[in-house]
């Protein structure tokens, strides 16, 4: 067989395989909606935080595809035993995110047309409501000086935060007398997040005698947290 013809044939086969895989992972808006309304799934918005705060699908997690470091950290906290359904504005970013997830051991699917198509079909979206901001001064004055306080700065849409929730719940249940847990909603308290230097979610800060004595960002083991009390 002519070598040039063989090369063309192989290229055609590879392109066909790639297109076939993309078709399998791309879902229509209606199919996407049906899938995410079944138990045991994860919905991932790969737009920026600003876009997400504008509106998003209910119960969606967020990991910005354009910030590769953030995306990888948050994606690694997802559960590989549950399928991931991704979306962005028009479907381009989420298609790339879906390919990345599938290449890293996840079962991932992309919503074709993105949230623009979702909106166009009149599907429900969550819009973030403005909430009163807590000043750094007010927050600091609320920290009791006679207790060890563990501050957890996170957000409901943050995959690592979601992964830490059962660890914190277990910690409170088994060692609640040793400390007080104080949760800060980093999604709504922008001023406080800046004041605490919580540039990554989750951020954990331990206060003793009313002063911060320990701080760590990202996933933390129960044993490491206990060692600080």
C-alpha atoms as a PDB file:
ATOM      1  CA  UNK A   1       0.000   0.000   0.000  1.00  0.00           C
ATOM      2  CA  UNK A   2       1.254   3.468  -0.862  1.00  0.00           C
ATOM      3  CA  UNK A   3       2.749   5.101   2.265  1.00  0.00           C
ATOM      4  CA  UNK A   4       1.021   8.433   1.709  1.00  0.00           C
ATOM      5  CA  UNK A   5      -2.320   6.677   1.266  1.00  0.00           C
ATOM      6  CA  UNK A   6      -1.700   4.672   4.460  1.00  0.00           C
ATOM      7  CA  UNK A   7      -0.963   7.887   6.369  1.00  0.00           C
ATOM      8  CA  UNK A   8      -4.180   9.487   5.133  1.00  0.00           C
ATOM      9  CA  UNK A   9      -6.150   6.380   6.065  1.00  0.00           C
ATOM     10  CA  UNK A  10      -4.705   6.297   9.588  1.00  0.00           C
ATOM     11  CA  UNK A  11      -5.419  10.007  10.066  1.00  0.00           C
ATOM     12  CA  UNK A  12      -9.012   9.451   8.960  1.00  0.00           C
ATOM     13  CA  UNK A  13      -9.406   6.582  11.422  1.00  0.00           C
ATOM     14  CA  UNK A  14      -7.996   8.685  14.286  1.00  0.00           C
ATOM     15  CA  UNK A  15     -10.235  11.655  13.478  1.00  0.00           C
ATOM     16  CA  UNK A  16     -13.252   9.373  13.225  1.00  0.00           C
ATOM     17  CA  UNK A  17     -12.435   7.867  16.630  1.00  0.00           C
ATOM     18  CA  UNK A  18     -12.056  11.322  18.214  1.00  0.00           C
ATOM     19  CA  UNK A  19     -15.344  12.526  16.729  1.00  0.00           C
ATOM     20  CA  UNK A  20     -17.054   9.332  17.854  1.00  0.00           C
ATOM     21  CA  UNK A  21     -15.812   9.786  21.430  1.00  0.00           C
ATOM     22  CA  UNK A  22     -16.919  13.426  21.458  1.00  0.00           C
ATOM     23  CA  UNK A  23     -20.390  12.421  20.264  1.00  0.00           C
ATOM     24  CA  UNK A  24     -20.645   9.883  23.079  1.00  0.00           C
ATOM     25  CA  UNK A  25     -19.770  12.440  25.773  1.00  0.00           C
ATOM     26  CA  UNK A  26     -21.791  15.375  24.357  1.00  0.00           C
ATOM     27  CA  UNK A  27     -25.367  15.530  25.628  1.00  0.00           C
ATOM     28  CA  UNK A  28     -28.282  17.658  24.513  1.00  0.00           C
ATOM     29  CA  UNK A  29     -29.737  20.093  27.053  1.00  0.00           C
ATOM     30  CA  UNK A  30     -32.741  17.860  27.705  1.00  0.00           C
ATOM     31  CA  UNK A  31     -30.597  14.752  28.094  1.00  0.00           C
ATOM     32  CA  UNK A  32     -28.187  16.635  30.360  1.00  0.00           C
ATOM     33  CA  UNK A  33     -31.078  17.814  32.546  1.00  0.00           C
ATOM     34  CA  UNK A  34     -32.451  14.297  32.799  1.00  0.00           C
ATOM     35  CA  UNK A  35     -29.050  12.869  33.787  1.00  0.00           C
ATOM     36  CA  UNK A  36     -28.272  15.448  36.491  1.00  0.00           C
ATOM     37  CA  UNK A  37     -31.662  14.882  38.112  1.00  0.00           C
ATOM     38  CA  UNK A  38     -30.736  11.287  38.929  1.00  0.00           C
ATOM     39  CA  UNK A  39     -29.090  10.410  42.283  1.00  0.00           C
ATOM     40  CA  UNK A  40     -25.336  10.000  42.669  1.00  0.00           C
ATOM     41  CA  UNK A  41     -24.044  12.451  40.065  1.00  0.00           C
ATOM     42  CA  UNK A  42     -21.761  15.505  40.155  1.00  0.00           C
ATOM     43  CA  UNK A  43     -22.447  18.693  38.186  1.00  0.00           C
ATOM     44  CA  UNK A  44     -19.398  20.817  37.389  1.00  0.00           C
ATOM     45  CA  UNK A  45     -19.510  24.414  36.129  1.00  0.00           C
ATOM     46  CA  UNK A  46     -16.136  25.131  34.516  1.00  0.00           C
ATOM     47  CA  UNK A  47     -16.705  28.869  34.015  1.00  0.00           C
ATOM     48  CA  UNK A  48     -15.046  31.591  36.088  1.00  0.00           C
ATOM     49  CA  UNK A  49     -16.268  32.411  39.597  1.00  0.00           C
ATOM     50  CA  UNK A  50     -17.730  35.673  38.283  1.00  0.00           C
ATOM     51  CA  UNK A  51     -19.741  33.857  35.636  1.00  0.00           C
ATOM     52  CA  UNK A  52     -20.854  31.271  38.170  1.00  0.00           C
ATOM     53  CA  UNK A  53     -22.005  33.963  40.596  1.00  0.00           C
ATOM     54  CA  UNK A  54     -24.151  35.471  37.847  1.00  0.00           C
ATOM     55  CA  UNK A  55     -26.203  32.306  37.552  1.00  0.00           C
ATOM     56  CA  UNK A  56     -25.640  28.575  37.648  1.00  0.00           C
ATOM     57  CA  UNK A  57     -27.405  25.234  37.650  1.00  0.00           C
ATOM     58  CA  UNK A  58     -28.677  24.032  41.021  1.00  0.00           C
ATOM     59  CA  UNK A  59     -26.167  22.058  43.123  1.00  0.00           C
ATOM     60  CA  UNK A  60     -23.345  22.701  40.648  1.00  0.00           C
ATOM     61  CA  UNK A  61     -19.732  22.699  41.786  1.00  0.00           C
ATOM     62  CA  UNK A  62     -17.308  25.183  40.231  1.00  0.00           C
ATOM     63  CA  UNK A  63     -13.776  24.824  38.839  1.00  0.00           C
ATOM     64  CA  UNK A  64     -12.445  27.406  36.388  1.00  0.00           C
ATOM     65  CA  UNK A  65     -11.059  25.640  33.305  1.00  0.00           C
ATOM     66  CA  UNK A  66      -9.132  28.792  32.341  1.00  0.00           C
ATOM     67  CA  UNK A  67      -7.178  28.580  35.614  1.00  0.00           C
ATOM     68  CA  UNK A  68      -5.486  25.212  35.188  1.00  0.00           C
ATOM     69  CA  UNK A  69      -4.032  25.072  38.719  1.00  0.00           C
ATOM     70  CA  UNK A  70      -7.418  25.766  40.299  1.00  0.00           C
ATOM     71  CA  UNK A  71      -9.190  23.384  37.946  1.00  0.00           C
ATOM     72  CA  UNK A  72      -6.857  20.464  38.657  1.00  0.00           C
ATOM     73  CA  UNK A  73      -6.973  20.963  42.441  1.00  0.00           C
ATOM     74  CA  UNK A  74     -10.761  21.080  42.492  1.00  0.00           C
ATOM     75  CA  UNK A  75     -11.217  18.295  39.960  1.00  0.00           C
ATOM     76  CA  UNK A  76      -8.946  15.982  41.958  1.00  0.00           C
ATOM     77  CA  UNK A  77     -11.349  16.347  44.887  1.00  0.00           C
ATOM     78  CA  UNK A  78     -14.264  14.980  42.844  1.00  0.00           C
ATOM     79  CA  UNK A  79     -15.513  11.438  43.418  1.00  0.00           C
ATOM     80  CA  UNK A  80     -14.335   9.109  40.639  1.00  0.00           C
ATOM     81  CA  UNK A  81     -17.075   6.620  41.494  1.00  0.00           C
ATOM     82  CA  UNK A  82     -19.745   9.117  40.382  1.00  0.00           C
ATOM     83  CA  UNK A  83     -20.222  10.527  36.856  1.00  0.00           C
ATOM     84  CA  UNK A  84     -19.418  14.200  36.264  1.00  0.00           C
ATOM     85  CA  UNK A  85     -21.625  16.397  34.076  1.00  0.00           C
ATOM     86  CA  UNK A  86     -19.863  19.567  32.932  1.00  0.00           C
ATOM     87  CA  UNK A  87     -21.016  22.787  31.344  1.00  0.00           C
ATOM     88  CA  UNK A  88     -19.730  26.274  30.514  1.00  0.00           C
ATOM     89  CA  UNK A  89     -21.141  29.223  28.575  1.00  0.00           C
ATOM     90  CA  UNK A  90     -21.345  27.663  25.104  1.00  0.00           C
ATOM     91  CA  UNK A  91     -19.816  24.199  25.481  1.00  0.00           C
ATOM     92  CA  UNK A  92     -16.246  24.797  24.275  1.00  0.00           C
ATOM     93  CA  UNK A  93     -14.481  24.977  27.647  1.00  0.00           C
ATOM     94  CA  UNK A  94     -16.561  22.180  29.119  1.00  0.00           C
ATOM     95  CA  UNK A  95     -15.779  19.939  26.128  1.00  0.00           C
ATOM     96  CA  UNK A  96     -12.068  20.317  26.904  1.00  0.00           C
ATOM     97  CA  UNK A  97     -12.703  19.813  30.618  1.00  0.00           C
ATOM     98  CA  UNK A  98     -14.706  16.677  29.849  1.00  0.00           C
ATOM     99  CA  UNK A  99     -11.864  15.281  27.755  1.00  0.00           C
ATOM    100  CA  UNK A 100      -9.406  16.028  30.588  1.00  0.00           C
ATOM    101  CA  UNK A 101     -11.621  14.353  33.172  1.00  0.00           C
ATOM    102  CA  UNK A 102     -12.126  11.260  31.049  1.00  0.00           C
ATOM    103  CA  UNK A 103      -8.373  11.003  30.484  1.00  0.00           C
ATOM    104  CA  UNK A 104      -7.824  11.116  34.264  1.00  0.00           C
ATOM    105  CA  UNK A 105     -10.106   8.279  35.277  1.00  0.00           C
ATOM    106  CA  UNK A 106     -13.479  10.040  35.553  1.00  0.00           C
ATOM    107  CA  UNK A 107     -16.682   9.305  33.678  1.00  0.00           C
ATOM    108  CA  UNK A 108     -17.551  12.743  32.330  1.00  0.00           C
ATOM    109  CA  UNK A 109     -20.119  14.243  29.964  1.00  0.00           C
ATOM    110  CA  UNK A 110     -20.511  17.676  28.408  1.00  0.00           C
ATOM    111  CA  UNK A 111     -23.662  19.737  27.836  1.00  0.00           C
ATOM    112  CA  UNK A 112     -23.733  20.671  24.150  1.00  0.00           C
ATOM    113  CA  UNK A 113     -24.383  24.393  23.689  1.00  0.00           C
ATOM    114  CA  UNK A 114     -23.619  25.240  27.313  1.00  0.00           C
ATOM    115  CA  UNK A 115     -25.656  27.381  29.636  1.00  0.00           C
ATOM    116  CA  UNK A 116     -26.637  29.655  26.728  1.00  0.00           C
ATOM    117  CA  UNK A 117     -28.706  26.793  25.314  1.00  0.00           C
ATOM    118  CA  UNK A 118     -29.976  25.956  28.815  1.00  0.00           C
ATOM    119  CA  UNK A 119     -31.203  29.551  29.238  1.00  0.00           C
ATOM    120  CA  UNK A 120     -32.696  29.618  25.729  1.00  0.00           C
ATOM    121  CA  UNK A 121     -34.856  26.623  26.628  1.00  0.00           C
ATOM    122  CA  UNK A 122     -36.106  28.310  29.802  1.00  0.00           C
ATOM    123  CA  UNK A 123     -34.468  25.879  32.231  1.00  0.00           C
ATOM    124  CA  UNK A 124     -34.184  26.828  35.912  1.00  0.00           C
ATOM    125  CA  UNK A 125     -31.060  28.649  37.148  1.00  0.00           C
ATOM    126  CA  UNK A 126     -29.870  29.772  40.570  1.00  0.00           C
ATOM    127  CA  UNK A 127     -28.968  33.439  40.955  1.00  0.00           C
ATOM    128  CA  UNK A 128     -26.847  34.529  43.897  1.00  0.00           C
ATOM    129  CA  UNK A 129     -28.554  37.011  46.202  1.00  0.00           C
ATOM    130  CA  UNK A 130     -26.662  39.888  47.748  1.00  0.00           C
ATOM    131  CA  UNK A 131     -26.009  39.392  51.485  1.00  0.00           C
ATOM    132  CA  UNK A 132     -24.767  41.811  54.166  1.00  0.00           C
ATOM    133  CA  UNK A 133     -20.985  41.836  54.367  1.00  0.00           C
ATOM    134  CA  UNK A 134     -19.187  41.068  57.644  1.00  0.00           C
ATOM    135  CA  UNK A 135     -16.224  43.324  58.278  1.00  0.00           C
ATOM    136  CA  UNK A 136     -12.895  41.930  59.407  1.00  0.00           C
ATOM    137  CA  UNK A 137     -13.235  43.937  62.616  1.00  0.00           C
ATOM    138  CA  UNK A 138     -16.650  42.482  63.409  1.00  0.00           C
ATOM    139  CA  UNK A 139     -15.426  38.969  62.641  1.00  0.00           C
ATOM    140  CA  UNK A 140     -12.339  39.276  64.839  1.00  0.00           C
ATOM    141  CA  UNK A 141     -14.368  40.632  67.745  1.00  0.00           C
ATOM    142  CA  UNK A 142     -16.718  37.624  67.484  1.00  0.00           C
ATOM    143  CA  UNK A 143     -13.897  35.129  68.126  1.00  0.00           C
ATOM    144  CA  UNK A 144     -14.076  34.041  71.808  1.00  0.00           C
ATOM    145  CA  UNK A 145     -10.766  34.368  73.640  1.00  0.00           C
ATOM    146  CA  UNK A 146     -11.456  31.484  76.015  1.00  0.00           C
ATOM    147  CA  UNK A 147     -11.909  28.840  73.292  1.00  0.00           C
ATOM    148  CA  UNK A 148      -9.940  27.222  70.494  1.00  0.00           C
ATOM    149  CA  UNK A 149     -11.736  28.156  67.277  1.00  0.00           C
ATOM    150  CA  UNK A 150     -11.391  26.395  63.937  1.00  0.00           C
ATOM    151  CA  UNK A 151     -12.449  28.686  61.103  1.00  0.00           C
ATOM    152  CA  UNK A 152     -13.427  26.993  57.850  1.00  0.00           C
ATOM    153  CA  UNK A 153     -13.581  29.359  54.869  1.00  0.00           C
ATOM    154  CA  UNK A 154     -15.209  27.599  51.934  1.00  0.00           C
ATOM    155  CA  UNK A 155     -18.140  27.450  49.552  1.00  0.00           C
ATOM    156  CA  UNK A 156     -20.885  24.976  48.719  1.00  0.00           C
ATOM    157  CA  UNK A 157     -19.712  24.840  45.099  1.00  0.00           C
ATOM    158  CA  UNK A 158     -16.087  24.029  45.980  1.00  0.00           C
ATOM    159  CA  UNK A 159     -15.245  20.297  45.451  1.00  0.00           C
ATOM    160  CA  UNK A 160     -12.449  20.172  48.081  1.00  0.00           C
ATOM    161  CA  UNK A 161     -14.771  21.903  50.571  1.00  0.00           C
ATOM    162  CA  UNK A 162     -17.446  19.303  49.855  1.00  0.00           C
ATOM    163  CA  UNK A 163     -14.865  16.571  50.428  1.00  0.00           C
ATOM    164  CA  UNK A 164     -13.839  18.113  53.772  1.00  0.00           C
ATOM    165  CA  UNK A 165     -17.407  18.400  55.116  1.00  0.00           C
ATOM    166  CA  UNK A 166     -17.715  14.814  56.477  1.00  0.00           C
ATOM    167  CA  UNK A 167     -14.235  15.090  58.013  1.00  0.00           C
ATOM    168  CA  UNK A 168     -15.232  18.261  59.871  1.00  0.00           C
ATOM    169  CA  UNK A 169     -18.559  16.749  60.931  1.00  0.00           C
ATOM    170  CA  UNK A 170     -16.757  13.715  62.336  1.00  0.00           C
ATOM    171  CA  UNK A 171     -14.257  15.969  64.085  1.00  0.00           C
ATOM    172  CA  UNK A 172     -17.030  17.942  65.764  1.00  0.00           C
ATOM    173  CA  UNK A 173     -18.845  14.773  66.795  1.00  0.00           C
ATOM    174  CA  UNK A 174     -15.777  13.097  68.307  1.00  0.00           C
ATOM    175  CA  UNK A 175     -13.820  16.090  69.643  1.00  0.00           C
ATOM    176  CA  UNK A 176     -16.318  18.925  69.810  1.00  0.00           C
ATOM    177  CA  UNK A 177     -15.381  19.765  73.414  1.00  0.00           C
ATOM    178  CA  UNK A 178     -11.853  20.711  72.384  1.00  0.00           C
ATOM    179  CA  UNK A 179     -12.784  23.446  69.910  1.00  0.00           C
ATOM    180  CA  UNK A 180     -15.525  25.493  68.277  1.00  0.00           C
ATOM    181  CA  UNK A 181     -16.091  25.259  64.517  1.00  0.00           C
ATOM    182  CA  UNK A 182     -16.905  28.502  62.736  1.00  0.00           C
ATOM    183  CA  UNK A 183     -17.812  28.317  59.054  1.00  0.00           C
ATOM    184  CA  UNK A 184     -17.436  31.301  56.721  1.00  0.00           C
ATOM    185  CA  UNK A 185     -19.257  31.323  53.378  1.00  0.00           C
ATOM    186  CA  UNK A 186     -16.474  32.454  51.081  1.00  0.00           C
ATOM    187  CA  UNK A 187     -18.887  32.614  48.150  1.00  0.00           C
ATOM    188  CA  UNK A 188     -20.733  35.601  49.627  1.00  0.00           C
ATOM    189  CA  UNK A 189     -18.284  37.221  52.078  1.00  0.00           C
ATOM    190  CA  UNK A 190     -15.759  38.702  49.656  1.00  0.00           C
ATOM    191  CA  UNK A 191     -14.484  41.363  52.095  1.00  0.00           C
ATOM    192  CA  UNK A 192     -13.920  38.838  54.857  1.00  0.00           C
ATOM    193  CA  UNK A 193     -12.241  36.369  52.495  1.00  0.00           C
ATOM    194  CA  UNK A 194      -9.775  39.080  51.485  1.00  0.00           C
ATOM    195  CA  UNK A 195      -9.116  40.081  55.085  1.00  0.00           C
ATOM    196  CA  UNK A 196      -8.455  36.479  56.105  1.00  0.00           C
ATOM    197  CA  UNK A 197      -6.170  35.889  53.146  1.00  0.00           C
ATOM    198  CA  UNK A 198      -8.296  32.959  52.030  1.00  0.00           C
ATOM    199  CA  UNK A 199      -7.266  32.989  48.373  1.00  0.00           C
ATOM    200  CA  UNK A 200      -7.974  29.264  48.066  1.00  0.00           C
ATOM    201  CA  UNK A 201     -10.963  27.243  49.257  1.00  0.00           C
ATOM    202  CA  UNK A 202     -11.065  25.702  51.733  1.00  0.00           C
ATOM    203  CA  UNK A 203      -8.850  27.747  54.047  1.00  0.00           C
ATOM    204  CA  UNK A 204      -8.558  26.630  57.671  1.00  0.00           C
ATOM    205  CA  UNK A 205      -7.457  28.986  60.442  1.00  0.00           C
ATOM    206  CA  UNK A 206      -7.125  28.129  64.125  1.00  0.00           C
ATOM    207  CA  UNK A 207      -7.522  30.849  66.755  1.00  0.00           C
ATOM    208  CA  UNK A 208      -6.306  30.553  70.337  1.00  0.00           C
ATOM    209  CA  UNK A 209      -6.780  33.312  72.902  1.00  0.00           C
ATOM    210  CA  UNK A 210      -8.505  35.286  70.159  1.00  0.00           C
ATOM    211  CA  UNK A 211      -5.433  35.219  67.865  1.00  0.00           C
ATOM    212  CA  UNK A 212      -4.715  33.214  64.689  1.00  0.00           C
ATOM    213  CA  UNK A 213      -1.999  30.624  65.386  1.00  0.00           C
ATOM    214  CA  UNK A 214      -2.270  28.206  62.435  1.00  0.00           C
ATOM    215  CA  UNK A 215      -3.447  28.334  58.843  1.00  0.00           C
ATOM    216  CA  UNK A 216      -3.615  25.867  55.957  1.00  0.00           C
ATOM    217  CA  UNK A 217      -5.337  25.749  52.597  1.00  0.00           C
ATOM    218  CA  UNK A 218      -6.727  22.805  50.649  1.00  0.00           C
ATOM    219  CA  UNK A 219      -7.428  19.295  51.863  1.00  0.00           C
ATOM    220  CA  UNK A 220      -6.338  18.546  55.447  1.00  0.00           C
ATOM    221  CA  UNK A 221      -6.520  15.253  57.319  1.00  0.00           C
ATOM    222  CA  UNK A 222      -8.476  14.887  60.549  1.00  0.00           C
ATOM    223  CA  UNK A 223      -5.252  13.904  62.325  1.00  0.00           C
ATOM    224  CA  UNK A 224      -3.487  17.089  61.232  1.00  0.00           C
ATOM    225  CA  UNK A 225      -6.354  19.242  62.457  1.00  0.00           C
ATOM    226  CA  UNK A 226      -6.511  17.399  65.780  1.00  0.00           C
ATOM    227  CA  UNK A 227      -2.806  17.958  66.315  1.00  0.00           C
ATOM    228  CA  UNK A 228      -3.428  21.725  66.404  1.00  0.00           C
ATOM    229  CA  UNK A 229      -5.897  21.638  69.329  1.00  0.00           C
END
